[in-house]
Amino acid sequence: MSYLIEMIETAAQPVLYQRHVTSLDQLPLVIGKAYESVFSYLYERGEQPADMPFVAYFNMDMAALEVEIGVPVSRTFDDTTDVLSGEIPAGRKVVSMYQGPYSGMTVIYDAMNQWMAERSIEPTGVVYEFYYNSPEEVPESELLTKVVFLVK
């Protein structure tokens, strides 16, 4: 299967998030709890998300994944003990859309890594996944995920 992969340049994007270290097995539970906290914080302030929720991966250690789980917002907020305000940094990014089960996402990662290698583009090691729907809403085959590599 071929994927549309492209390089884009973006401005910084404010986000609300939680940072966690978790195993791959526990990740769905951690994501669910983090989204609950982040969305509660946002809605309590009468605000709406500016884009789709995300998980940012800072490593690929399946036993100790370092992740930020959050949502883009229209402005910065005050940190709390539970929810932090930050940003997705400005700069170059390599992006693509993936449709299918989360368990099959290695194909898009492999395709994007090959695309970058062929063009001598160096990833920073941080990857964002933006979730356009969820397994509670659609069959796994219809899950839509935007994958975004931050690049140097």
C-alpha atoms as a PDB file:
ATOM      1  CA  MET A   1       0.000   0.000   0.000  1.00  0.00           C
ATOM      2  CA  SER A   2       1.250   3.490  -0.757  1.00  0.00           C
ATOM      3  CA  TYR A   3       0.754   6.510   1.476  1.00  0.00           C
ATOM      4  CA  LEU A   4       0.721  10.224   0.766  1.00  0.00           C
ATOM      5  CA  ILE A   5       3.668  11.503   2.799  1.00  0.00           C
ATOM      6  CA  GLU A   6       4.644  15.156   2.777  1.00  0.00           C
ATOM      7  CA  MET A   7       6.837  17.724   4.478  1.00  0.00           C
ATOM      8  CA  ILE A   8       5.109  20.712   6.048  1.00  0.00           C
ATOM      9  CA  GLU A   9       6.217  23.701   8.119  1.00  0.00           C
ATOM     10  CA  THR A  10       4.002  24.806  10.990  1.00  0.00           C
ATOM     11  CA  ALA A  11       3.819  27.487  13.653  1.00  0.00           C
ATOM     12  CA  ALA A  12       3.910  26.493  17.313  1.00  0.00           C
ATOM     13  CA  GLN A  13       0.589  25.059  18.545  1.00  0.00           C
ATOM     14  CA  PRO A  14      -0.540  25.517  22.182  1.00  0.00           C
ATOM     15  CA  VAL A  15      -1.632  22.275  23.873  1.00  0.00           C
ATOM     16  CA  LEU A  16      -2.935  20.959  27.176  1.00  0.00           C
ATOM     17  CA  TYR A  17      -1.439  17.622  28.165  1.00  0.00           C
ATOM     18  CA  GLN A  18      -0.311  15.115  30.748  1.00  0.00           C
ATOM     19  CA  ARG A  19       3.092  13.443  30.612  1.00  0.00           C
ATOM     20  CA  HIS A  20       3.422   9.752  31.504  1.00  0.00           C
ATOM     21  CA  VAL A  21       5.839   6.837  31.362  1.00  0.00           C
ATOM     22  CA  THR A  22       3.947   3.595  30.738  1.00  0.00           C
ATOM     23  CA  SER A  23       4.166   0.175  29.136  1.00  0.00           C
ATOM     24  CA  LEU A  24       2.496  -0.505  25.806  1.00  0.00           C
ATOM     25  CA  ASP A  25       0.029  -2.829  27.583  1.00  0.00           C
ATOM     26  CA  GLN A  26      -1.102  -0.059  29.948  1.00  0.00           C
ATOM     27  CA  LEU A  27      -1.118   2.706  27.311  1.00  0.00           C
ATOM     28  CA  PRO A  28      -4.848   2.532  26.405  1.00  0.00           C
ATOM     29  CA  LEU A  29      -5.838   2.888  30.079  1.00  0.00           C
ATOM     30  CA  VAL A  30      -3.377   5.759  30.602  1.00  0.00           C
ATOM     31  CA  ILE A  31      -4.625   7.513  27.457  1.00  0.00           C
ATOM     32  CA  GLY A  32      -8.255   7.222  28.566  1.00  0.00           C
ATOM     33  CA  LYS A  33      -7.577   8.675  32.012  1.00  0.00           C
ATOM     34  CA  ALA A  34      -5.389  11.465  30.616  1.00  0.00           C
ATOM     35  CA  TYR A  35      -7.994  12.508  28.029  1.00  0.00           C
ATOM     36  CA  GLU A  36     -10.631  12.561  30.772  1.00  0.00           C
ATOM     37  CA  SER A  37      -8.497  14.934  32.871  1.00  0.00           C
ATOM     38  CA  VAL A  38      -7.438  17.173  29.979  1.00  0.00           C
ATOM     39  CA  PHE A  39     -10.925  17.503  28.482  1.00  0.00           C
ATOM     40  CA  SER A  40     -12.456  18.141  31.927  1.00  0.00           C
ATOM     41  CA  TYR A  41      -9.919  20.934  32.522  1.00  0.00           C
ATOM     42  CA  LEU A  42     -10.719  22.446  29.121  1.00  0.00           C
ATOM     43  CA  TYR A  43     -14.511  22.220  29.383  1.00  0.00           C
ATOM     44  CA  GLU A  44     -14.540  23.578  32.963  1.00  0.00           C
ATOM     45  CA  ARG A  45     -13.056  26.749  31.476  1.00  0.00           C
ATOM     46  CA  GLY A  46     -15.670  26.949  28.726  1.00  0.00           C
ATOM     47  CA  GLU A  47     -13.115  26.162  26.017  1.00  0.00           C
ATOM     48  CA  GLN A  48     -13.120  23.761  23.076  1.00  0.00           C
ATOM     49  CA  PRO A  49     -10.223  21.831  21.505  1.00  0.00           C
ATOM     50  CA  ALA A  50      -8.530  23.496  18.529  1.00  0.00           C
ATOM     51  CA  ASP A  51      -7.811  20.161  16.805  1.00  0.00           C
ATOM     52  CA  MET A  52      -7.867  16.398  17.303  1.00  0.00           C
ATOM     53  CA  PRO A  53      -6.494  14.771  20.488  1.00  0.00           C
ATOM     54  CA  PHE A  54      -2.984  13.362  20.306  1.00  0.00           C
ATOM     55  CA  VAL A  55      -0.342  11.212  21.899  1.00  0.00           C
ATOM     56  CA  ALA A  56       3.277  12.336  21.453  1.00  0.00           C
ATOM     57  CA  TYR A  57       5.888   9.582  21.699  1.00  0.00           C
ATOM     58  CA  PHE A  58       9.353  10.578  22.906  1.00  0.00           C
ATOM     59  CA  ASN A  59      10.823   7.078  22.657  1.00  0.00           C
ATOM     60  CA  MET A  60       9.826   3.648  21.376  1.00  0.00           C
ATOM     61  CA  ASP A  61      10.716   1.617  24.495  1.00  0.00           C
ATOM     62  CA  MET A  62       7.592  -0.543  24.710  1.00  0.00           C
ATOM     63  CA  ALA A  63       8.219  -1.272  28.413  1.00  0.00           C
ATOM     64  CA  ALA A  64       8.661   2.409  29.339  1.00  0.00           C
ATOM     65  CA  LEU A  65       7.061   4.652  26.720  1.00  0.00           C
ATOM     66  CA  GLU A  66       7.515   8.370  27.435  1.00  0.00           C
ATOM     67  CA  VAL A  67       4.354  10.059  26.180  1.00  0.00           C
ATOM     68  CA  GLU A  68       2.461  13.328  26.271  1.00  0.00           C
ATOM     69  CA  ILE A  69      -1.288  12.853  25.977  1.00  0.00           C
ATOM     70  CA  GLY A  70      -3.341  15.901  25.165  1.00  0.00           C
ATOM     71  CA  VAL A  71      -5.226  18.190  22.869  1.00  0.00           C
ATOM     72  CA  PRO A  72      -4.373  21.307  20.828  1.00  0.00           C
ATOM     73  CA  VAL A  73      -5.977  24.494  22.175  1.00  0.00           C
ATOM     74  CA  SER A  74      -6.406  28.068  20.975  1.00  0.00           C
ATOM     75  CA  ARG A  75      -4.327  29.712  23.725  1.00  0.00           C
ATOM     76  CA  THR A  76      -2.048  28.977  26.673  1.00  0.00           C
ATOM     77  CA  PHE A  77      -3.452  28.079  30.084  1.00  0.00           C
ATOM     78  CA  ASP A  78      -2.141  27.927  33.641  1.00  0.00           C
ATOM     79  CA  ASP A  79      -0.584  24.615  34.686  1.00  0.00           C
ATOM     80  CA  THR A  80      -2.229  22.578  37.422  1.00  0.00           C
ATOM     81  CA  THR A  81      -0.872  19.586  39.305  1.00  0.00           C
ATOM     82  CA  ASP A  82      -2.841  17.402  36.875  1.00  0.00           C
ATOM     83  CA  VAL A  83      -2.801  19.197  33.499  1.00  0.00           C
ATOM     84  CA  LEU A  84       0.091  21.083  31.893  1.00  0.00           C
ATOM     85  CA  SER A  85       0.114  23.800  29.248  1.00  0.00           C
ATOM     86  CA  GLY A  86       2.732  23.520  26.517  1.00  0.00           C
ATOM     87  CA  GLU A  87       3.130  23.533  22.775  1.00  0.00           C
ATOM     88  CA  ILE A  88       3.897  21.446  19.757  1.00  0.00           C
ATOM     89  CA  PRO A  89       7.019  23.223  18.523  1.00  0.00           C
ATOM     90  CA  ALA A  90       7.132  25.223  15.318  1.00  0.00           C
ATOM     91  CA  GLY A  91       9.160  23.793  12.490  1.00  0.00           C
ATOM     92  CA  ARG A  92       9.367  21.139   9.829  1.00  0.00           C
ATOM     93  CA  LYS A  93       7.263  18.011  10.107  1.00  0.00           C
ATOM     94  CA  VAL A  94       6.719  14.937   7.963  1.00  0.00           C
ATOM     95  CA  VAL A  95       3.040  13.932   7.959  1.00  0.00           C
ATOM     96  CA  SER A  96       0.796  11.174   6.659  1.00  0.00           C
ATOM     97  CA  MET A  97      -2.656   9.718   7.320  1.00  0.00           C
ATOM     98  CA  TYR A  98      -3.166   6.092   8.270  1.00  0.00           C
ATOM     99  CA  GLN A  99      -6.443   4.168   8.178  1.00  0.00           C
ATOM    100  CA  GLY A 100      -6.732   0.900  10.054  1.00  0.00           C
ATOM    101  CA  PRO A 101      -6.144  -0.746  13.413  1.00  0.00           C
ATOM    102  CA  TYR A 102      -3.577   0.700  15.781  1.00  0.00           C
ATOM    103  CA  SER A 103      -1.893  -2.717  15.873  1.00  0.00           C
ATOM    104  CA  GLY A 104      -1.056  -2.342  12.165  1.00  0.00           C
ATOM    105  CA  MET A 105       0.595   1.075  12.339  1.00  0.00           C
ATOM    106  CA  THR A 106       4.126  -0.245  11.828  1.00  0.00           C
ATOM    107  CA  VAL A 107       3.449  -0.064   8.062  1.00  0.00           C
ATOM    108  CA  ILE A 108       2.973   3.716   8.115  1.00  0.00           C
ATOM    109  CA  TYR A 109       5.974   4.215  10.402  1.00  0.00           C
ATOM    110  CA  ASP A 110       8.110   2.074   8.073  1.00  0.00           C
ATOM    111  CA  ALA A 111       6.873   3.959   4.989  1.00  0.00           C
ATOM    112  CA  MET A 112       7.525   7.355   6.590  1.00  0.00           C
ATOM    113  CA  ASN A 113      10.989   6.353   7.831  1.00  0.00           C
ATOM    114  CA  GLN A 114      11.881   5.082   4.343  1.00  0.00           C
ATOM    115  CA  TRP A 115      10.543   8.304   2.756  1.00  0.00           C
ATOM    116  CA  MET A 116      12.687  10.411   5.113  1.00  0.00           C
ATOM    117  CA  ALA A 117      15.787   8.252   4.580  1.00  0.00           C
ATOM    118  CA  GLU A 118      15.448   8.560   0.781  1.00  0.00           C
ATOM    119  CA  ARG A 119      15.433  12.358   1.159  1.00  0.00           C
ATOM    120  CA  SER A 120      18.128  12.585   3.854  1.00  0.00           C
ATOM    121  CA  ILE A 121      15.602  14.009   6.330  1.00  0.00           C
ATOM    122  CA  GLU A 122      16.525  13.387   9.949  1.00  0.00           C
ATOM    123  CA  PRO A 123      13.738  12.849  12.505  1.00  0.00           C
ATOM    124  CA  THR A 124      14.152  14.334  15.989  1.00  0.00           C
ATOM    125  CA  GLY A 125      12.835  11.188  17.680  1.00  0.00           C
ATOM    126  CA  VAL A 126       9.462  12.729  18.609  1.00  0.00           C
ATOM    127  CA  VAL A 127       6.334  11.451  16.847  1.00  0.00           C
ATOM    128  CA  TYR A 128       2.754  12.681  17.285  1.00  0.00           C
ATOM    129  CA  GLU A 129      -0.339  10.629  16.525  1.00  0.00           C
ATOM    130  CA  PHE A 130      -3.576  12.614  16.126  1.00  0.00           C
ATOM    131  CA  TYR A 131      -6.735  10.529  16.490  1.00  0.00           C
ATOM    132  CA  TYR A 132      -9.658  11.475  14.238  1.00  0.00           C
ATOM    133  CA  ASN A 133     -11.985   8.840  15.712  1.00  0.00           C
ATOM    134  CA  SER A 134     -11.839   6.033  18.256  1.00  0.00           C
ATOM    135  CA  PRO A 135     -12.483   2.287  18.562  1.00  0.00           C
ATOM    136  CA  GLU A 136     -15.654   3.186  20.488  1.00  0.00           C
ATOM    137  CA  GLU A 137     -16.996   5.058  17.421  1.00  0.00           C
ATOM    138  CA  VAL A 138     -15.950   2.990  14.392  1.00  0.00           C
ATOM    139  CA  PRO A 139     -14.652  -0.487  13.478  1.00  0.00           C
ATOM    140  CA  GLU A 140     -10.845  -0.844  13.743  1.00  0.00           C
ATOM    141  CA  SER A 141     -10.561  -0.901   9.946  1.00  0.00           C
ATOM    142  CA  GLU A 142     -11.953   2.667   9.845  1.00  0.00           C
ATOM    143  CA  LEU A 143      -9.725   4.248  12.499  1.00  0.00           C
ATOM    144  CA  LEU A 144      -8.049   7.411  11.138  1.00  0.00           C
ATOM    145  CA  THR A 145      -4.732   8.555  12.579  1.00  0.00           C
ATOM    146  CA  LYS A 146      -2.495  11.393  11.405  1.00  0.00           C
ATOM    147  CA  VAL A 147       1.167  10.558  12.076  1.00  0.00           C
ATOM    148  CA  VAL A 148       3.529  13.527  12.440  1.00  0.00           C
ATOM    149  CA  PHE A 149       7.315  13.196  12.740  1.00  0.00           C
ATOM    150  CA  LEU A 150       9.152  16.257  14.017  1.00  0.00           C
ATOM    151  CA  VAL A 151      12.266  16.633  11.836  1.00  0.00           C
ATOM    152  CA  LYS A 152      15.513  18.595  11.956  1.00  0.00           C
END
